[in-house]
């Protein structure tokens, strides 16, 4: 009887382990599909929706702004080995729909090359991961680094324009005398240099 109880306890532990700990064992919340709206007029906005492989079970809620990161493996050519993985923030999505096992986010913000390392592909794409632990709502303050303040260039005042005397004896005319152009000396054509 104890052998049967041990097997039952083992099966129960295995079921609990595969259901409860699934998220901790490598279930990465990531983008699996991208859809883009087709504008019918020049003024119509273009929306890009990103389909996420997780939903309400991961405590994702409508209105959340979630950072999107890309895993970039870095190879060390000197030692011919993998130096490590970089997780680079590429943008932010605002969740517009949440279901069971599925969510949809809309692009809110992307980072350009001045704010991050150079990537092979720009923007948010399929396979990028969502950092739900750093999600926030729109009314919450964004945690950012203190911006660097550069000294402001001094503005030079414009030089004063000379005043034109208002003398009735000086006649102003809109016609200007023709300007003579300097004459060029004729030169023999020289060798053509490439």
Protein backbone atom coordinates (compact mmCIF):
# COMPACT_ATOMS: atom_id res chain seq x y z
CA UNK A 1 0.00 0.00 0.00
CA UNK A 2 2.83 2.45 0.76
CA UNK A 3 4.26 1.81 -2.73
CA UNK A 4 0.95 2.91 -4.27
CA UNK A 5 0.81 5.99 -2.00
CA UNK A 6 4.35 6.92 -3.00
CA UNK A 7 3.49 6.62 -6.71
CA UNK A 8 0.34 8.71 -6.18
CA UNK A 9 2.31 11.38 -4.33
CA UNK A 10 4.89 11.38 -7.12
CA UNK A 11 2.19 11.80 -9.80
CA UNK A 12 0.55 14.61 -7.80
CA UNK A 13 3.89 16.38 -7.39
CA UNK A 14 4.60 16.01 -11.11
CA UNK A 15 1.20 17.46 -12.05
CA UNK A 16 1.68 20.38 -9.63
CA UNK A 17 5.20 21.00 -10.91
CA UNK A 18 4.16 21.09 -14.59
CA UNK A 19 1.14 23.36 -14.03
CA UNK A 20 2.20 25.77 -11.29
CA UNK A 21 5.89 26.10 -12.11
CA UNK A 22 5.46 26.25 -15.89
CA UNK A 23 6.00 30.02 -16.00
CA UNK A 24 9.20 29.73 -14.00
CA UNK A 25 10.65 27.00 -16.21
CA UNK A 26 11.16 29.10 -19.28
CA UNK A 27 7.69 30.18 -20.38
CA UNK A 28 8.76 33.43 -21.92
CA UNK A 29 6.11 36.03 -22.56
CA UNK A 30 6.84 37.10 -26.10
CA UNK A 31 5.37 38.39 -29.34
CA UNK A 32 4.26 35.71 -31.79
CA UNK A 33 2.44 37.74 -34.46
CA UNK A 34 2.27 41.31 -35.79
CA UNK A 35 -0.65 42.85 -37.70
CA UNK A 36 -0.71 46.26 -39.33
CA UNK A 37 -3.79 48.25 -40.34
CA UNK A 38 -4.14 49.43 -43.92
CA UNK A 39 -5.07 53.13 -44.09
CA UNK A 40 -7.75 54.03 -46.61
CA UNK A 41 -6.88 57.74 -46.62
CA UNK A 42 -3.64 59.68 -46.35
CA UNK A 43 -4.68 61.15 -42.99
CA UNK A 44 -5.77 57.80 -41.50
CA UNK A 45 -3.55 56.49 -38.70
CA UNK A 46 -1.62 53.23 -39.12
CA UNK A 47 -1.84 50.85 -36.18
CA UNK A 48 0.51 47.96 -35.45
CA UNK A 49 -0.87 45.31 -33.12
CA UNK A 50 1.44 42.80 -31.46
CA UNK A 51 -0.02 39.46 -30.37
CA UNK A 52 1.38 38.20 -27.06
CA UNK A 53 1.49 34.53 -26.01
CA UNK A 54 0.17 35.21 -22.50
CA UNK A 55 -2.92 36.79 -21.01
CA UNK A 56 -4.90 37.15 -17.81
CA UNK A 57 -3.12 34.18 -16.18
CA UNK A 58 0.09 36.28 -16.17
CA UNK A 59 -1.71 39.22 -14.57
CA UNK A 60 -1.57 41.25 -17.78
CA UNK A 61 -4.27 43.93 -17.73
CA UNK A 62 -5.71 46.34 -20.30
CA UNK A 63 -3.92 49.69 -20.14
CA UNK A 64 -0.58 48.30 -18.97
CA UNK A 65 2.51 49.65 -20.68
CA UNK A 66 5.03 46.83 -20.92
CA UNK A 67 8.70 47.19 -21.95
CA UNK A 68 9.78 44.98 -24.86
CA UNK A 69 13.28 43.53 -24.88
CA UNK A 70 15.27 41.62 -27.46
CA UNK A 71 17.77 38.89 -26.59
CA UNK A 72 20.96 39.43 -28.58
CA UNK A 73 23.67 36.77 -28.23
CA UNK A 74 27.15 38.32 -28.37
CA UNK A 75 30.04 36.28 -29.74
CA UNK A 76 33.64 36.96 -28.66
CA UNK A 77 35.75 36.45 -31.82
CA UNK A 78 39.05 36.72 -29.93
CA UNK A 79 38.35 33.72 -27.69
CA UNK A 80 35.88 32.11 -30.15
CA UNK A 81 33.13 31.67 -27.60
CA UNK A 82 29.77 33.11 -26.61
CA UNK A 83 30.45 36.18 -24.48
CA UNK A 84 26.88 36.31 -23.21
CA UNK A 85 23.41 37.58 -24.01
CA UNK A 86 22.32 41.20 -24.08
CA UNK A 87 18.70 42.01 -23.30
CA UNK A 88 18.11 45.29 -25.09
CA UNK A 89 14.96 47.36 -24.62
CA UNK A 90 13.52 48.08 -28.08
CA UNK A 91 10.20 49.71 -27.21
CA UNK A 92 6.98 49.66 -25.21
CA UNK A 93 3.54 48.20 -25.88
CA UNK A 94 0.22 49.31 -24.40
CA UNK A 95 -2.10 46.36 -23.80
CA UNK A 96 -5.44 46.91 -25.57
CA UNK A 97 -6.99 43.43 -25.18
CA UNK A 98 -6.51 40.58 -22.71
CA UNK A 99 -7.83 37.05 -23.01
CA UNK A 100 -6.98 33.67 -21.53
CA UNK A 101 -3.53 32.78 -22.88
CA UNK A 102 -3.48 35.67 -25.37
CA UNK A 103 -3.12 39.46 -25.29
CA UNK A 104 -2.82 42.22 -27.87
CA UNK A 105 -0.57 45.24 -27.42
CA UNK A 106 -0.23 48.36 -29.50
CA UNK A 107 3.10 50.09 -30.09
CA UNK A 108 3.51 53.17 -27.88
CA UNK A 109 7.21 53.90 -28.00
CA UNK A 110 10.31 52.70 -29.84
CA UNK A 111 13.92 53.42 -29.04
CA UNK A 112 16.32 54.57 -31.71
CA UNK A 113 20.06 53.95 -32.02
CA UNK A 114 20.97 56.95 -29.88
CA UNK A 115 19.26 55.30 -26.88
CA UNK A 116 20.49 51.72 -27.26
CA UNK A 117 23.10 49.49 -28.93
CA UNK A 118 22.84 48.96 -32.69
CA UNK A 119 20.54 46.10 -33.69
CA UNK A 120 20.31 44.09 -36.88
CA UNK A 121 16.57 44.80 -37.16
CA UNK A 122 14.90 48.00 -35.96
CA UNK A 123 11.67 48.21 -34.02
CA UNK A 124 9.62 45.58 -32.20
CA UNK A 125 9.27 42.21 -33.94
CA UNK A 126 8.16 38.60 -33.54
CA UNK A 127 10.20 36.81 -30.88
CA UNK A 128 10.85 39.89 -28.74
CA UNK A 129 10.13 39.36 -25.04
CA UNK A 130 7.92 41.36 -22.71
CA UNK A 131 9.22 42.36 -19.29
CA UNK A 132 5.93 42.10 -17.36
CA UNK A 133 7.70 42.64 -14.02
CA UNK A 134 8.50 46.23 -15.11
CA UNK A 135 5.03 46.96 -16.49
CA UNK A 136 3.33 50.17 -15.45
CA UNK A 137 0.14 52.04 -16.11
CA UNK A 138 0.02 55.33 -18.04
CA UNK A 139 -0.55 57.50 -14.98
CA UNK A 140 2.49 56.09 -13.17
CA UNK A 141 5.81 57.88 -13.56
CA UNK A 142 8.35 56.31 -15.84
CA UNK A 143 11.58 55.37 -14.09
CA UNK A 144 14.32 56.90 -16.18
CA UNK A 145 17.86 57.96 -15.70
CA UNK A 146 18.56 61.60 -15.00
CA UNK A 147 18.89 63.32 -18.36
CA UNK A 148 22.22 64.88 -19.20
CA UNK A 149 21.97 68.65 -19.28
CA UNK A 150 24.14 70.26 -21.91
CA UNK A 151 25.15 73.92 -21.57
CA UNK A 152 23.02 76.18 -23.70
CA UNK A 153 24.82 78.10 -26.43
CA UNK A 154 24.80 81.83 -25.90
CA UNK A 155 22.65 83.69 -28.37
CA UNK A 156 24.54 86.48 -30.09
CA UNK A 157 22.50 89.65 -30.66
CA UNK A 158 21.96 90.60 -34.28
CA UNK A 159 24.21 93.42 -35.48
CA UNK A 160 22.48 96.76 -35.70
CA UNK A 161 21.49 97.90 -39.15
CA UNK A 162 22.67 101.36 -40.14
CA UNK A 163 19.92 103.90 -40.25
CA UNK A 164 19.03 105.40 -43.59
CA UNK A 165 18.79 109.17 -43.30
CA UNK A 166 15.41 110.57 -44.15
CA UNK A 167 16.67 113.56 -46.17
CA UNK A 168 14.27 115.01 -48.75
CA UNK A 169 17.20 116.05 -50.95
CA UNK A 170 18.35 112.43 -51.33
CA UNK A 171 16.35 110.72 -53.98
CA UNK A 172 15.81 107.01 -53.48
CA UNK A 173 15.39 104.89 -56.56
CA UNK A 174 14.53 101.25 -56.92
CA UNK A 175 16.66 101.03 -60.02
CA UNK A 176 20.25 100.06 -59.44
CA UNK A 177 23.02 100.83 -61.88
CA UNK A 178 24.22 97.76 -63.76
CA UNK A 179 27.12 96.07 -62.07
CA UNK A 180 30.12 95.35 -64.20
CA UNK A 181 31.47 91.84 -64.01
CA UNK A 182 35.23 91.34 -63.88
CA UNK A 183 36.72 90.26 -67.18
CA UNK A 184 38.44 86.86 -67.36
CA UNK A 185 41.66 86.22 -69.12
CA UNK A 186 41.47 83.70 -71.90
CA UNK A 187 43.40 80.57 -71.04
CA UNK A 188 44.43 77.66 -73.17
CA UNK A 189 42.90 74.40 -72.03
CA UNK A 190 45.30 72.49 -69.79
CA UNK A 191 45.74 68.76 -69.27
CA UNK A 192 42.76 66.87 -67.94
CA UNK A 193 43.49 65.49 -64.47
CA UNK A 194 41.57 62.51 -63.19
